[in-house]
Amino acid sequence: MISAVVNFFIDIHIRFLKLCEKHELHLAFLLALTTGMRQSEILALRWKDVDLEQSVLYVRQTLSHDGKQIYQDTKTKSSMRTITLIDRTLGELEAQKRKYEKKRRSAGARSFKIMI
């Protein structure tokens, strides 16, 4: 019974990600579903928090609910953590980084800190 429920939710998540594949927040949705990160953690994620070579990301800060302030601390000490990325999420992050690097170069900007 439990495995049927788990398979049902996995199927729902896969369908959802497929439906929103072209949406600008697809990566945020993918991070939420594959890492368990909170919205405030995802929206505060910076490129320096991601280690593509080690396939991990570091949750170090959060965004306030009104979106106006970044807190350098997480909700609790245990919320500050390292998350190992699955291959699909890692691939999407690599693609996003290439896309932003291209935008950065064409805009003449030095760097983009926030990812999403």
PDB file of N, CA and C in Angstrom:
ATOM      1  N   MET A   1       0.811  -1.195   0.000  1.00  0.00           N
ATOM      2  CA  MET A   1       0.000   0.000   0.000  1.00  0.00           C
ATOM      3  C   MET A   1       0.859   1.265   0.000  1.00  0.00           C
ATOM      4  N   ILE A   2       1.881   1.296   0.864  1.00  0.00           N
ATOM      5  CA  ILE A   2       2.730   2.479   0.945  1.00  0.00           C
ATOM      6  C   ILE A   2       3.481   2.701  -0.358  1.00  0.00           C
ATOM      7  N   SER A   3       3.978   1.634  -0.958  1.00  0.00           N
ATOM      8  CA  SER A   3       4.715   1.797  -2.220  1.00  0.00           C
ATOM      9  C   SER A   3       3.798   2.315  -3.329  1.00  0.00           C
ATOM     10  N   ALA A   4       2.526   1.942  -3.302  1.00  0.00           N
ATOM     11  CA  ALA A   4       1.581   2.455  -4.296  1.00  0.00           C
ATOM     12  C   ALA A   4       1.373   3.953  -4.126  1.00  0.00           C
ATOM     13  N   VAL A   5       1.297   4.388  -2.878  1.00  0.00           N
ATOM     14  CA  VAL A   5       1.131   5.822  -2.594  1.00  0.00           C
ATOM     15  C   VAL A   5       2.380   6.589  -3.012  1.00  0.00           C
ATOM     16  N   VAL A   6       3.545   6.063  -2.687  1.00  0.00           N
ATOM     17  CA  VAL A   6       4.810   6.702  -3.074  1.00  0.00           C
ATOM     18  C   VAL A   6       4.900   6.796  -4.591  1.00  0.00           C
ATOM     19  N   ASN A   7       4.588   5.725  -5.285  1.00  0.00           N
ATOM     20  CA  ASN A   7       4.629   5.735  -6.753  1.00  0.00           C
ATOM     21  C   ASN A   7       3.650   6.747  -7.324  1.00  0.00           C
ATOM     22  N   PHE A   8       2.489   6.870  -6.704  1.00  0.00           N
ATOM     23  CA  PHE A   8       1.495   7.858  -7.142  1.00  0.00           C
ATOM     24  C   PHE A   8       2.077   9.265  -7.056  1.00  0.00           C
ATOM     25  N   PHE A   9       2.698   9.595  -5.920  1.00  0.00           N
ATOM     26  CA  PHE A   9       3.253  10.939  -5.747  1.00  0.00           C
ATOM     27  C   PHE A   9       4.456  11.184  -6.653  1.00  0.00           C
ATOM     28  N   ILE A  10       5.257  10.184  -6.869  1.00  0.00           N
ATOM     29  CA  ILE A  10       6.373  10.326  -7.811  1.00  0.00           C
ATOM     30  C   ILE A  10       5.844  10.623  -9.201  1.00  0.00           C
ATOM     31  N   ASP A  11       4.809   9.895  -9.602  1.00  0.00           N
ATOM     32  CA  ASP A  11       4.192  10.113 -10.910  1.00  0.00           C
ATOM     33  C   ASP A  11       3.634  11.532 -11.028  1.00  0.00           C
ATOM     34  N   ILE A  12       2.980  12.002  -9.991  1.00  0.00           N
ATOM     35  CA  ILE A  12       2.432  13.365  -9.973  1.00  0.00           C
ATOM     36  C   ILE A  12       3.556  14.390 -10.117  1.00  0.00           C
ATOM     37  N   HIS A  13       4.645  14.203  -9.383  1.00  0.00           N
ATOM     38  CA  HIS A  13       5.779  15.128  -9.460  1.00  0.00           C
ATOM     39  C   HIS A  13       6.396  15.138 -10.853  1.00  0.00           C
ATOM     40  N   ILE A  14       6.544  13.967 -11.441  1.00  0.00           N
ATOM     41  CA  ILE A  14       7.114  13.881 -12.793  1.00  0.00           C
ATOM     42  C   ILE A  14       6.216  14.594 -13.795  1.00  0.00           C
ATOM     43  N   ARG A  15       4.922  14.374 -13.694  1.00  0.00           N
ATOM     44  CA  ARG A  15       3.973  15.038 -14.600  1.00  0.00           C
ATOM     45  C   ARG A  15       4.010  16.551 -14.415  1.00  0.00           C
ATOM     46  N   PHE A  16       4.040  16.994 -13.158  1.00  0.00           N
ATOM     47  CA  PHE A  16       4.087  18.430 -12.878  1.00  0.00           C
ATOM     48  C   PHE A  16       5.329  19.060 -13.492  1.00  0.00           C
ATOM     49  N   LEU A  17       6.486  18.445 -13.279  1.00  0.00           N
ATOM     50  CA  LEU A  17       7.727  18.995 -13.818  1.00  0.00           C
ATOM     51  C   LEU A  17       7.720  19.016 -15.340  1.00  0.00           C
ATOM     52  N   LYS A  18       7.109  18.025 -15.955  1.00  0.00           N
ATOM     53  CA  LYS A  18       6.999  17.995 -17.414  1.00  0.00           C
ATOM     54  C   LYS A  18       6.112  19.140 -17.906  1.00  0.00           C
ATOM     55  N   LEU A  19       4.989  19.374 -17.210  1.00  0.00           N
ATOM     56  CA  LEU A  19       4.066  20.441 -17.602  1.00  0.00           C
ATOM     57  C   LEU A  19       4.680  21.834 -17.477  1.00  0.00           C
ATOM     58  N   CYS A  20       5.534  22.024 -16.486  1.00  0.00           N
ATOM     59  CA  CYS A  20       6.098  23.360 -16.266  1.00  0.00           C
ATOM     60  C   CYS A  20       7.518  23.487 -16.810  1.00  0.00           C
ATOM     61  N   GLU A  21       7.915  22.576 -17.678  1.00  0.00           N
ATOM     62  CA  GLU A  21       9.277  22.542 -18.210  1.00  0.00           C
ATOM     63  C   GLU A  21       9.721  23.875 -18.824  1.00  0.00           C
ATOM     64  N   LYS A  22       8.829  24.575 -19.485  1.00  0.00           N
ATOM     65  CA  LYS A  22       9.175  25.844 -20.142  1.00  0.00           C
ATOM     66  C   LYS A  22       8.936  27.060 -19.245  1.00  0.00           C
ATOM     67  N   HIS A  23       8.398  26.844 -18.057  1.00  0.00           N
ATOM     68  CA  HIS A  23       8.100  27.949 -17.147  1.00  0.00           C
ATOM     69  C   HIS A  23       9.402  28.511 -16.568  1.00  0.00           C
ATOM     70  N   GLU A  24       9.440  29.817 -16.366  1.00  0.00           N
ATOM     71  CA  GLU A  24      10.668  30.448 -15.857  1.00  0.00           C
ATOM     72  C   GLU A  24      11.046  29.980 -14.453  1.00  0.00           C
ATOM     73  N   LEU A  25      10.102  29.439 -13.703  1.00  0.00           N
ATOM     74  CA  LEU A  25      10.396  28.960 -12.355  1.00  0.00           C
ATOM     75  C   LEU A  25      10.566  27.436 -12.281  1.00  0.00           C
ATOM     76  N   HIS A  26      10.745  26.809 -13.435  1.00  0.00           N
ATOM     77  CA  HIS A  26      10.911  25.357 -13.466  1.00  0.00           C
ATOM     78  C   HIS A  26      12.027  24.895 -12.532  1.00  0.00           C
ATOM     79  N   LEU A  27      13.150  25.572 -12.541  1.00  0.00           N
ATOM     80  CA  LEU A  27      14.268  25.180 -11.689  1.00  0.00           C
ATOM     81  C   LEU A  27      13.894  25.285 -10.214  1.00  0.00           C
ATOM     82  N   ALA A  28      13.156  26.305  -9.843  1.00  0.00           N
ATOM     83  CA  ALA A  28      12.708  26.447  -8.448  1.00  0.00           C
ATOM     84  C   ALA A  28      11.810  25.276  -8.059  1.00  0.00           C
ATOM     85  N   PHE A  29      10.890  24.910  -8.950  1.00  0.00           N
ATOM     86  CA  PHE A  29      10.010  23.772  -8.681  1.00  0.00           C
ATOM     87  C   PHE A  29      10.828  22.484  -8.552  1.00  0.00           C
ATOM     88  N   LEU A  30      11.782  22.307  -9.451  1.00  0.00           N
ATOM     89  CA  LEU A  30      12.631  21.114  -9.425  1.00  0.00           C
ATOM     90  C   LEU A  30      13.419  21.038  -8.122  1.00  0.00           C
ATOM     91  N   LEU A  31      13.987  22.158  -7.702  1.00  0.00           N
ATOM     92  CA  LEU A  31      14.723  22.181  -6.434  1.00  0.00           C
ATOM     93  C   LEU A  31      13.825  21.835  -5.261  1.00  0.00           C
ATOM     94  N   ALA A  32      12.621  22.376  -5.251  1.00  0.00           N
ATOM     95  CA  ALA A  32      11.690  22.085  -4.161  1.00  0.00           C
ATOM     96  C   ALA A  32      11.367  20.594  -4.092  1.00  0.00           C
ATOM     97  N   LEU A  33      11.110  19.999  -5.241  1.00  0.00           N
ATOM     98  CA  LEU A  33      10.703  18.596  -5.267  1.00  0.00           C
ATOM     99  C   LEU A  33      11.851  17.612  -5.066  1.00  0.00           C
ATOM    100  N   THR A  34      13.056  17.979  -5.474  1.00  0.00           N
ATOM    101  CA  THR A  34      14.170  17.027  -5.378  1.00  0.00           C
ATOM    102  C   THR A  34      15.065  17.239  -4.169  1.00  0.00           C
ATOM    103  N   THR A  35      14.937  18.387  -3.505  1.00  0.00           N
ATOM    104  CA  THR A  35      15.800  18.644  -2.350  1.00  0.00           C
ATOM    105  C   THR A  35      15.031  18.853  -1.054  1.00  0.00           C
ATOM    106  N   GLY A  36      13.748  19.182  -1.158  1.00  0.00           N
ATOM    107  CA  GLY A  36      12.972  19.479   0.046  1.00  0.00           C
ATOM    108  C   GLY A  36      13.221  20.871   0.592  1.00  0.00           C
ATOM    109  N   MET A  37      13.899  21.704  -0.185  1.00  0.00           N
ATOM    110  CA  MET A  37      14.186  23.065   0.269  1.00  0.00           C
ATOM    111  C   MET A  37      12.899  23.876   0.376  1.00  0.00           C
ATOM    112  N   ARG A  38      12.897  24.815   1.318  1.00  0.00           N
ATOM    113  CA  ARG A  38      11.780  25.742   1.475  1.00  0.00           C
ATOM    114  C   ARG A  38      11.863  26.822   0.397  1.00  0.00           C
ATOM    115  N   GLN A  39      10.718  27.437   0.118  1.00  0.00           N
ATOM    116  CA  GLN A  39      10.669  28.524  -0.869  1.00  0.00           C
ATOM    117  C   GLN A  39      11.654  29.627  -0.519  1.00  0.00           C
ATOM    118  N   SER A  40      11.709  30.026   0.739  1.00  0.00           N
ATOM    119  CA  SER A  40      12.599  31.115   1.161  1.00  0.00           C
ATOM    120  C   SER A  40      14.070  30.739   0.969  1.00  0.00           C
ATOM    121  N   GLU A  41      14.403  29.458   1.063  1.00  0.00           N
ATOM    122  CA  GLU A  41      15.771  29.002   0.848  1.00  0.00           C
ATOM    123  C   GLU A  41      16.116  28.986  -0.636  1.00  0.00           C
ATOM    124  N   ILE A  42      15.184  28.521  -1.452  1.00  0.00           N
ATOM    125  CA  ILE A  42      15.408  28.462  -2.903  1.00  0.00           C
ATOM    126  C   ILE A  42      15.597  29.864  -3.474  1.00  0.00           C
ATOM    127  N   LEU A  43      14.751  30.790  -3.051  1.00  0.00           N
ATOM    128  CA  LEU A  43      14.802  32.148  -3.603  1.00  0.00           C
ATOM    129  C   LEU A  43      16.015  32.941  -3.129  1.00  0.00           C
ATOM    130  N   ALA A  44      16.680  32.475  -2.083  1.00  0.00           N
ATOM    131  CA  ALA A  44      17.895  33.133  -1.592  1.00  0.00           C
ATOM    132  C   ALA A  44      19.167  32.439  -2.065  1.00  0.00           C
ATOM    133  N   LEU A  45      19.021  31.371  -2.840  1.00  0.00           N
ATOM    134  CA  LEU A  45      20.167  30.594  -3.299  1.00  0.00           C
ATOM    135  C   LEU A  45      21.026  31.405  -4.265  1.00  0.00           C
ATOM    136  N   ARG A  46      22.328  31.359  -4.049  1.00  0.00           N
ATOM    137  CA  ARG A  46      23.290  32.055  -4.909  1.00  0.00           C
ATOM    138  C   ARG A  46      24.206  31.034  -5.568  1.00  0.00           C
ATOM    139  N   TRP A  47      24.861  31.447  -6.637  1.00  0.00           N
ATOM    140  CA  TRP A  47      25.763  30.522  -7.326  1.00  0.00           C
ATOM    141  C   TRP A  47      26.892  30.083  -6.423  1.00  0.00           C
ATOM    142  N   LYS A  48      27.332  30.931  -5.511  1.00  0.00           N
ATOM    143  CA  LYS A  48      28.419  30.518  -4.620  1.00  0.00           C
ATOM    144  C   LYS A  48      27.956  29.471  -3.600  1.00  0.00           C
ATOM    145  N   ASP A  49      26.645  29.226  -3.515  1.00  0.00           N
ATOM    146  CA  ASP A  49      26.106  28.192  -2.637  1.00  0.00           C
ATOM    147  C   ASP A  49      26.024  26.833  -3.333  1.00  0.00           C
ATOM    148  N   VAL A  50      26.391  26.786  -4.604  1.00  0.00           N
ATOM    149  CA  VAL A  50      26.285  25.556  -5.387  1.00  0.00           C
ATOM    150  C   VAL A  50      27.684  25.103  -5.806  1.00  0.00           C
ATOM    151  N   ASP A  51      27.992  23.846  -5.546  1.00  0.00           N
ATOM    152  CA  ASP A  51      29.250  23.259  -5.978  1.00  0.00           C
ATOM    153  C   ASP A  51      28.907  22.191  -7.017  1.00  0.00           C
ATOM    154  N   LEU A  52      28.973  22.580  -8.283  1.00  0.00           N
ATOM    155  CA  LEU A  52      28.603  21.672  -9.366  1.00  0.00           C
ATOM    156  C   LEU A  52      29.555  20.487  -9.467  1.00  0.00           C
ATOM    157  N   GLU A  53      30.820  20.700  -9.139  1.00  0.00           N
ATOM    158  CA  GLU A  53      31.794  19.614  -9.223  1.00  0.00           C
ATOM    159  C   GLU A  53      31.543  18.538  -8.172  1.00  0.00           C
ATOM    160  N   GLN A  54      31.104  18.952  -6.984  1.00  0.00           N
ATOM    161  CA  GLN A  54      30.827  18.001  -5.907  1.00  0.00           C
ATOM    162  C   GLN A  54      29.369  17.552  -5.877  1.00  0.00           C
ATOM    163  N   SER A  55      28.533  18.129  -6.755  1.00  0.00           N
ATOM    164  CA  SER A  55      27.099  17.803  -6.842  1.00  0.00           C
ATOM    165  C   SER A  55      26.350  18.091  -5.541  1.00  0.00           C
ATOM    166  N   VAL A  56      26.679  19.233  -4.930  1.00  0.00           N
ATOM    167  CA  VAL A  56      26.004  19.622  -3.691  1.00  0.00           C
ATOM    168  C   VAL A  56      25.646  21.104  -3.737  1.00  0.00           C
ATOM    169  N   LEU A  57      24.696  21.462  -2.879  1.00  0.00           N
ATOM    170  CA  LEU A  57      24.437  22.876  -2.649  1.00  0.00           C
ATOM    171  C   LEU A  57      24.349  23.095  -1.155  1.00  0.00           C
ATOM    172  N   TYR A  58      24.623  24.322  -0.752  1.00  0.00           N
ATOM    173  CA  TYR A  58      24.670  24.677   0.658  1.00  0.00           C
ATOM    174  C   TYR A  58      23.546  25.653   0.960  1.00  0.00           C
ATOM    175  N   VAL A  59      22.717  25.302   1.923  1.00  0.00           N
ATOM    176  CA  VAL A  59      21.662  26.202   2.369  1.00  0.00           C
ATOM    177  C   VAL A  59      22.270  27.042   3.480  1.00  0.00           C
ATOM    178  N   ARG A  60      22.442  28.352   3.200  1.00  0.00           N
ATOM    179  CA  ARG A  60      23.129  29.246   4.133  1.00  0.00           C
ATOM    180  C   ARG A  60      22.316  30.463   4.527  1.00  0.00           C
ATOM    181  N   GLN A  61      21.289  30.776   3.738  1.00  0.00           N
ATOM    182  CA  GLN A  61      20.514  31.990   3.997  1.00  0.00           C
ATOM    183  C   GLN A  61      19.096  31.805   3.495  1.00  0.00           C
ATOM    184  N   THR A  62      18.213  32.728   3.871  1.00  0.00           N
ATOM    185  CA  THR A  62      16.823  32.672   3.441  1.00  0.00           C
ATOM    186  C   THR A  62      16.350  34.063   3.039  1.00  0.00           C
ATOM    187  N   LEU A  63      15.292  34.088   2.258  1.00  0.00           N
ATOM    188  CA  LEU A  63      14.661  35.336   1.840  1.00  0.00           C
ATOM    189  C   LEU A  63      13.442  35.559   2.724  1.00  0.00           C
ATOM    190  N   SER A  64      13.223  36.806   3.135  1.00  0.00           N
ATOM    191  CA  SER A  64      12.062  37.117   3.968  1.00  0.00           C
ATOM    192  C   SER A  64      10.773  36.872   3.188  1.00  0.00           C
ATOM    193  N   HIS A  65       9.677  36.710   3.904  1.00  0.00           N
ATOM    194  CA  HIS A  65       8.395  36.416   3.252  1.00  0.00           C
ATOM    195  C   HIS A  65       7.948  37.534   2.320  1.00  0.00           C
ATOM    196  N   ASP A  66       8.312  38.778   2.626  1.00  0.00           N
ATOM    197  CA  ASP A  66       7.917  39.886   1.746  1.00  0.00           C
ATOM    198  C   ASP A  66       8.904  40.077   0.598  1.00  0.00           C
ATOM    199  N   GLY A  67       9.986  39.282   0.582  1.00  0.00           N
ATOM    200  CA  GLY A  67      10.957  39.324  -0.498  1.00  0.00           C
ATOM    201  C   GLY A  67      11.887  40.515  -0.466  1.00  0.00           C
ATOM    202  N   LYS A  68      11.914  41.249   0.650  1.00  0.00           N
ATOM    203  CA  LYS A  68      12.703  42.477   0.720  1.00  0.00           C
ATOM    204  C   LYS A  68      14.027  42.323   1.465  1.00  0.00           C
ATOM    205  N   GLN A  69      14.205  41.209   2.158  1.00  0.00           N
ATOM    206  CA  GLN A  69      15.404  41.075   2.975  1.00  0.00           C
ATOM    207  C   GLN A  69      15.936  39.651   2.909  1.00  0.00           C
ATOM    208  N   ILE A  70      17.258  39.560   2.858  1.00  0.00           N
ATOM    209  CA  ILE A  70      17.921  38.259   2.916  1.00  0.00           C
ATOM    210  C   ILE A  70      18.457  38.106   4.335  1.00  0.00           C
ATOM    211  N   TYR A  71      18.105  36.992   4.954  1.00  0.00           N
ATOM    212  CA  TYR A  71      18.621  36.684   6.283  1.00  0.00           C
ATOM    213  C   TYR A  71      19.838  35.786   6.118  1.00  0.00           C
ATOM    214  N   GLN A  72      20.931  36.182   6.725  1.00  0.00           N
ATOM    215  CA  GLN A  72      22.169  35.420   6.614  1.00  0.00           C
ATOM    216  C   GLN A  72      22.130  34.137   7.428  1.00  0.00           C
ATOM    217  N   ASP A  73      21.079  33.950   8.190  1.00  0.00           N
ATOM    218  CA  ASP A  73      20.894  32.721   8.953  1.00  0.00           C
ATOM    219  C   ASP A  73      19.664  31.998   8.425  1.00  0.00           C
ATOM    220  N   THR A  74      19.635  30.708   8.643  1.00  0.00           N
ATOM    221  CA  THR A  74      18.459  29.931   8.280  1.00  0.00           C
ATOM    222  C   THR A  74      17.500  29.904   9.468  1.00  0.00           C
ATOM    223  N   LYS A  75      16.335  29.316   9.263  1.00  0.00           N
ATOM    224  CA  LYS A  75      15.288  29.286  10.280  1.00  0.00           C
ATOM    225  C   LYS A  75      15.796  28.675  11.593  1.00  0.00           C
ATOM    226  N   THR A  76      16.514  27.574  11.496  1.00  0.00           N
ATOM    227  CA  THR A  76      17.124  26.935  12.669  1.00  0.00           C
ATOM    228  C   THR A  76      18.539  26.521  12.291  1.00  0.00           C
ATOM    229  N   LYS A  77      19.337  26.177  13.289  1.00  0.00           N
ATOM    230  CA  LYS A  77      20.715  25.734  13.016  1.00  0.00           C
ATOM    231  C   LYS A  77      20.733  24.488  12.138  1.00  0.00           C
ATOM    232  N   SER A  78      19.758  23.595  12.342  1.00  0.00           N
ATOM    233  CA  SER A  78      19.731  22.372  11.527  1.00  0.00           C
ATOM    234  C   SER A  78      19.287  22.660  10.094  1.00  0.00           C
ATOM    235  N   SER A  79      18.697  23.844   9.856  1.00  0.00           N
ATOM    236  CA  SER A  79      18.299  24.211   8.496  1.00  0.00           C
ATOM    237  C   SER A  79      19.505  24.577   7.642  1.00  0.00           C
ATOM    238  N   MET A  80      20.602  24.985   8.278  1.00  0.00           N
ATOM    239  CA  MET A  80      21.834  25.260   7.543  1.00  0.00           C
ATOM    240  C   MET A  80      22.454  23.904   7.241  1.00  0.00           C
ATOM    241  N   ARG A  81      22.473  23.545   5.957  1.00  0.00           N
ATOM    242  CA  ARG A  81      22.847  22.177   5.623  1.00  0.00           C
ATOM    243  C   ARG A  81      23.432  22.079   4.214  1.00  0.00           C
ATOM    244  N   THR A  82      23.994  20.915   3.941  1.00  0.00           N
ATOM    245  CA  THR A  82      24.515  20.576   2.622  1.00  0.00           C
ATOM    246  C   THR A  82      23.573  19.538   2.022  1.00  0.00           C
ATOM    247  N   ILE A  83      23.175  19.770   0.776  1.00  0.00           N
ATOM    248  CA  ILE A  83      22.249  18.866   0.095  1.00  0.00           C
ATOM    249  C   ILE A  83      22.942  18.276  -1.125  1.00  0.00           C
ATOM    250  N   THR A  84      22.932  16.959  -1.213  1.00  0.00           N
ATOM    251  CA  THR A  84      23.475  16.269  -2.377  1.00  0.00           C
ATOM    252  C   THR A  84      22.425  16.298  -3.489  1.00  0.00           C
ATOM    253  N   LEU A  85      22.865  16.649  -4.684  1.00  0.00           N
ATOM    254  CA  LEU A  85      21.957  16.805  -5.822  1.00  0.00           C
ATOM    255  C   LEU A  85      21.880  15.538  -6.654  1.00  0.00           C
ATOM    256  N   ILE A  86      20.671  15.220  -7.120  1.00  0.00           N
ATOM    257  CA  ILE A  86      20.523  14.103  -8.049  1.00  0.00           C
ATOM    258  C   ILE A  86      20.957  14.586  -9.435  1.00  0.00           C
ATOM    259  N   ASP A  87      21.212  13.655 -10.322  1.00  0.00           N
ATOM    260  CA  ASP A  87      21.736  13.988 -11.652  1.00  0.00           C
ATOM    261  C   ASP A  87      20.854  14.979 -12.413  1.00  0.00           C
ATOM    262  N   ARG A  88      19.552  14.770 -12.372  1.00  0.00           N
ATOM    263  CA  ARG A  88      18.657  15.658 -13.126  1.00  0.00           C
ATOM    264  C   ARG A  88      18.754  17.098 -12.624  1.00  0.00           C
ATOM    265  N   THR A  89      18.740  17.269 -11.314  1.00  0.00           N
ATOM    266  CA  THR A  89      18.829  18.619 -10.744  1.00  0.00           C
ATOM    267  C   THR A  89      20.180  19.231 -11.059  1.00  0.00           C
ATOM    268  N   LEU A  90      21.226  18.455 -10.948  1.00  0.00           N
ATOM    269  CA  LEU A  90      22.570  18.930 -11.267  1.00  0.00           C
ATOM    270  C   LEU A  90      22.641  19.389 -12.722  1.00  0.00           C
ATOM    271  N   GLY A  91      22.087  18.602 -13.628  1.00  0.00           N
ATOM    272  CA  GLY A  91      22.082  18.967 -15.046  1.00  0.00           C
ATOM    273  C   GLY A  91      21.327  20.259 -15.308  1.00  0.00           C
ATOM    274  N   GLU A  92      20.194  20.425 -14.646  1.00  0.00           N
ATOM    275  CA  GLU A  92      19.396  21.651 -14.808  1.00  0.00           C
ATOM    276  C   GLU A  92      20.151  22.867 -14.261  1.00  0.00           C
ATOM    277  N   LEU A  93      20.842  22.688 -13.142  1.00  0.00           N
ATOM    278  CA  LEU A  93      21.636  23.796 -12.578  1.00  0.00           C
ATOM    279  C   LEU A  93      22.787  24.167 -13.511  1.00  0.00           C
ATOM    280  N   GLU A  94      23.430  23.162 -14.088  1.00  0.00           N
ATOM    281  CA  GLU A  94      24.518  23.435 -15.029  1.00  0.00           C
ATOM    282  C   GLU A  94      24.001  24.196 -16.249  1.00  0.00           C
ATOM    283  N   ALA A  95      22.846  23.792 -16.749  1.00  0.00           N
ATOM    284  CA  ALA A  95      22.250  24.476 -17.903  1.00  0.00           C
ATOM    285  C   ALA A  95      21.864  25.912 -17.533  1.00  0.00           C
ATOM    286  N   GLN A  96      21.313  26.100 -16.350  1.00  0.00           N
ATOM    287  CA  GLN A  96      20.934  27.441 -15.889  1.00  0.00           C
ATOM    288  C   GLN A  96      22.166  28.334 -15.745  1.00  0.00           C
ATOM    289  N   LYS A  97      23.237  27.778 -15.230  1.00  0.00           N
ATOM    290  CA  LYS A  97      24.464  28.560 -15.069  1.00  0.00           C
ATOM    291  C   LYS A  97      25.014  28.984 -16.433  1.00  0.00           C
ATOM    292  N   ARG A  98      25.015  28.068 -17.397  1.00  0.00           N
ATOM    293  CA  ARG A  98      25.473  28.432 -18.748  1.00  0.00           C
ATOM    294  C   ARG A  98      24.603  29.538 -19.333  1.00  0.00           C
ATOM    295  N   LYS A  99      23.302  29.436 -19.139  1.00  0.00           N
ATOM    296  CA  LYS A  99      22.365  30.442 -19.642  1.00  0.00           C
ATOM    297  C   LYS A  99      22.628  31.812 -19.007  1.00  0.00           C
ATOM    298  N   TYR A 100      22.831  31.825 -17.706  1.00  0.00           N
ATOM    299  CA  TYR A 100      23.097  33.092 -17.021  1.00  0.00           C
ATOM    300  C   TYR A 100      24.456  33.667 -17.393  1.00  0.00           C
ATOM    301  N   GLU A 101      25.438  32.799 -17.556  1.00  0.00           N
ATOM    302  CA  GLU A 101      26.757  33.283 -17.969  1.00  0.00           C
ATOM    303  C   GLU A 101      26.683  33.949 -19.341  1.00  0.00           C
ATOM    304  N   LYS A 102      25.911  33.366 -20.227  1.00  0.00           N
ATOM    305  CA  LYS A 102      25.728  33.952 -21.561  1.00  0.00           C
ATOM    306  C   LYS A 102      25.040  35.316 -21.449  1.00  0.00           C
ATOM    307  N   LYS A 103      23.991  35.400 -20.629  1.00  0.00           N
ATOM    308  CA  LYS A 103      23.298  36.674 -20.413  1.00  0.00           C
ATOM    309  C   LYS A 103      24.233  37.701 -19.784  1.00  0.00           C
ATOM    310  N   ARG A 104      25.014  37.253 -18.824  1.00  0.00           N
ATOM    311  CA  ARG A 104      25.936  38.147 -18.126  1.00  0.00           C
ATOM    312  C   ARG A 104      26.947  38.738 -19.099  1.00  0.00           C
ATOM    313  N   ARG A 105      27.503  37.886 -19.956  1.00  0.00           N
ATOM    314  CA  ARG A 105      28.490  38.365 -20.929  1.00  0.00           C
ATOM    315  C   ARG A 105      27.861  39.333 -21.921  1.00  0.00           C
ATOM    316  N   SER A 106      26.661  39.015 -22.390  1.00  0.00           N
ATOM    317  CA  SER A 106      26.027  39.889 -23.377  1.00  0.00           C
ATOM    318  C   SER A 106      25.593  41.219 -22.762  1.00  0.00           C
ATOM    319  N   ALA A 107      25.314  41.227 -21.454  1.00  0.00           N
ATOM    320  CA  ALA A 107      24.909  42.466 -20.782  1.00  0.00           C
ATOM    321  C   ALA A 107      26.110  43.253 -20.276  1.00  0.00           C
ATOM    322  N   GLY A 108      27.280  42.619 -20.308  1.00  0.00           N
ATOM    323  CA  GLY A 108      28.477  43.289 -19.809  1.00  0.00           C
ATOM    324  C   GLY A 108      28.542  43.337 -18.298  1.00  0.00           C
ATOM    325  N   ALA A 109      27.708  42.558 -17.637  1.00  0.00           N
ATOM    326  CA  ALA A 109      27.693  42.537 -16.174  1.00  0.00           C
ATOM    327  C   ALA A 109      28.827  41.668 -15.647  1.00  0.00           C
ATOM    328  N   ARG A 110      29.263  41.974 -14.429  1.00  0.00           N
ATOM    329  CA  ARG A 110      30.344  41.192 -13.847  1.00  0.00           C
ATOM    330  C   ARG A 110      29.862  39.855 -13.303  1.00  0.00           C
ATOM    331  N   SER A 111      28.697  39.837 -12.654  1.00  0.00           N
ATOM    332  CA  SER A 111      28.194  38.574 -12.139  1.00  0.00           C
ATOM    333  C   SER A 111      26.731  38.665 -11.762  1.00  0.00           C
ATOM    334  N   PHE A 112      26.105  37.505 -11.768  1.00  0.00           N
ATOM    335  CA  PHE A 112      24.760  37.347 -11.241  1.00  0.00           C
ATOM    336  C   PHE A 112      24.904  36.578  -9.956  1.00  0.00           C
ATOM    337  N   LYS A 113      24.399  37.101  -8.857  1.00  0.00           N
ATOM    338  CA  LYS A 113      24.538  36.381  -7.586  1.00  0.00           C
ATOM    339  C   LYS A 113      23.343  35.476  -7.321  1.00  0.00           C
ATOM    340  N   ILE A 114      22.149  35.978  -7.555  1.00  0.00           N
ATOM    341  CA  ILE A 114      20.951  35.196  -7.296  1.00  0.00           C
ATOM    342  C   ILE A 114      20.651  34.350  -8.519  1.00  0.00           C
ATOM    343  N   MET A 115      20.267  33.102  -8.308  1.00  0.00           N
ATOM    344  CA  MET A 115      20.125  32.148  -9.403  1.00  0.00           C
ATOM    345  C   MET A 115      18.782  32.201 -10.109  1.00  0.00           C
ATOM    346  N   ILE A 116      17.725  32.362  -9.363  1.00  0.00           N
ATOM    347  CA  ILE A 116      16.371  32.195  -9.923  1.00  0.00           C
ATOM    348  C   ILE A 116      15.694  33.530 -10.066  1.00  0.00           C
TER     349      ILE A 116
END
